[in-house]
Every structure is written in C-alpha cells, then in structure tokens.
Amino acid sequence: MKRTAENKLKVVAVRIDPQIEQRLRLLAEVTGRKQSFFLQQMIESGIGAMENTWLPQDVLSQVRSGTLQPRQQASDATSDLFGDLYTDHTN
C-alpha cells in the first residue's frame, strides 16, 4: 500500500527490557530487516488480544466495525501509557 498523508505511519516510543532489545537487535541483524519491521509485526499480530483484554465491549465493537471516533488526548495524560498497567500486573 502506498503511504499518503492520511495513512502515514506514526512514530511511537517504548521502553523495553535490555534482553528484549538484544533479541530484537539479533532478529534485525540476522535477517537484514529493521527492528521497526519486527516491532510492527508484533504489534499487528498482538493488538487484537490486548483489545479483547483491556477494552470495554462497546468500545471494542466500535473499533472492530471502524466506527470509533478519534479521541482527544487529555492534557494531563501521561506519555508512558502502560507504566501503571505494567506495574499493576507484574505483582
């Protein structure tokens, strides 16, 4: 698919464990692909499971039907979206 202004890929920064970064780097080096390729593949293959787990059913239905309206980011929202979630679920 040719990228246009409407479907241009977005940049997202994440923090990852050093061992995961090393494994990701190895994948990239051995295959000759970029780390971002593998990250995109992982996100695309796993986002459905995350949506099923974390989204309320009415929101999930809107996501799947393509009717979800864009949300405005709150000015006090944290840039580390999963900081609290990750901490809460690792105990």
Protein backbone atom coordinates (compact mmCIF):
# COMPACT_ATOMS: atom_id res chain seq x y z
CA MET A 1 0.00 0.00 0.00
CA LYS A 2 1.35 3.41 -0.94
CA ARG A 3 1.51 5.78 2.03
CA THR A 4 -0.38 9.06 1.83
CA ALA A 5 -0.87 11.85 4.35
CA GLU A 6 -3.98 10.03 5.64
CA ASN A 7 -2.34 6.65 6.21
CA LYS A 8 1.19 7.75 7.06
CA LEU A 9 2.82 5.58 9.72
CA LYS A 10 3.14 7.17 13.17
CA VAL A 11 6.14 7.04 15.47
CA VAL A 12 5.68 5.60 18.97
CA ALA A 13 8.45 5.39 21.57
CA VAL A 14 8.53 2.49 24.03
CA ARG A 15 10.81 1.34 26.82
CA ILE A 16 11.86 -2.29 26.66
CA ASP A 17 13.92 -4.60 28.80
CA PRO A 18 17.58 -4.87 27.68
CA GLN A 19 17.20 -8.61 26.99
CA ILE A 20 14.24 -7.97 24.70
CA GLU A 21 16.19 -5.24 22.90
CA GLN A 22 19.07 -7.67 22.41
CA ARG A 23 16.75 -10.30 20.94
CA LEU A 24 15.15 -7.71 18.68
CA ARG A 25 18.56 -6.49 17.53
CA LEU A 26 19.62 -10.08 16.79
CA LEU A 27 16.50 -10.63 14.68
CA ALA A 28 17.28 -7.48 12.71
CA GLU A 29 20.96 -8.29 12.22
CA VAL A 30 20.44 -11.92 11.17
CA THR A 31 17.57 -11.19 8.78
CA GLY A 32 18.73 -7.85 7.40
CA ARG A 33 15.41 -6.25 8.33
CA LYS A 34 14.93 -3.23 10.55
CA GLN A 35 13.95 -3.54 14.20
CA SER A 36 10.89 -1.44 13.42
CA PHE A 37 9.69 -4.11 10.97
CA PHE A 38 9.63 -6.73 13.72
CA LEU A 39 8.04 -4.36 16.23
CA GLN A 40 5.28 -3.54 13.74
CA GLN A 41 4.71 -7.26 13.09
CA MET A 42 4.47 -7.97 16.82
CA ILE A 43 2.06 -5.10 17.40
CA GLU A 44 -0.17 -6.03 14.47
CA SER A 45 -0.31 -9.68 15.49
CA GLY A 46 -0.94 -8.96 19.19
CA ILE A 47 -3.11 -5.86 19.35
CA GLY A 48 -6.33 -7.85 18.94
CA ALA A 49 -5.63 -9.85 22.08
CA MET A 50 -4.79 -6.67 24.01
CA GLU A 51 -8.02 -5.02 22.81
CA ASN A 52 -10.03 -8.09 23.87
CA THR A 53 -8.46 -7.94 27.33
CA TRP A 54 -8.47 -4.21 28.03
CA LEU A 55 -11.29 -2.53 26.08
CA PRO A 56 -14.93 -2.44 27.20
CA GLN A 57 -17.18 -4.43 24.85
CA ASP A 58 -18.94 -1.34 23.44
CA VAL A 59 -15.62 0.31 22.57
CA LEU A 60 -14.26 -2.95 21.14
CA SER A 61 -17.32 -3.25 18.90
CA GLN A 62 -16.73 0.27 17.58
CA VAL A 63 -13.04 -0.48 16.94
CA ARG A 64 -13.86 -3.66 15.02
CA SER A 65 -16.63 -2.01 12.98
CA GLY A 66 -14.49 1.04 12.18
CA THR A 67 -16.95 3.45 13.79
CA LEU A 68 -14.82 4.57 16.74
CA GLN A 69 -14.47 8.34 16.73
CA PRO A 70 -10.98 9.84 17.23
CA ARG A 71 -10.33 10.65 20.87
CA GLN A 72 -8.81 13.89 22.12
CA GLN A 73 -5.74 13.32 24.28
CA ALA A 74 -6.17 14.79 27.73
CA SER A 75 -3.64 17.48 28.55
CA ASP A 76 -2.72 15.70 31.78
CA ALA A 77 -2.33 12.27 30.15
CA THR A 78 0.95 10.55 30.76
CA SER A 79 3.21 9.79 27.82
CA ASP A 80 4.01 6.39 29.36
CA LEU A 81 0.69 4.72 28.60
CA PHE A 82 1.48 1.35 30.14
CA GLY A 83 3.60 2.40 33.11
CA ASP A 84 0.89 1.82 35.72
CA LEU A 85 -0.67 -1.13 33.92
CA TYR A 86 2.62 -2.98 33.67
CA THR A 87 3.45 -2.38 37.31
CA ASP A 88 -0.02 -3.45 38.47
CA HIS A 89 0.06 -6.75 36.57
CA THR A 90 3.56 -7.93 37.44
CA ASN A 91 2.97 -8.39 41.16
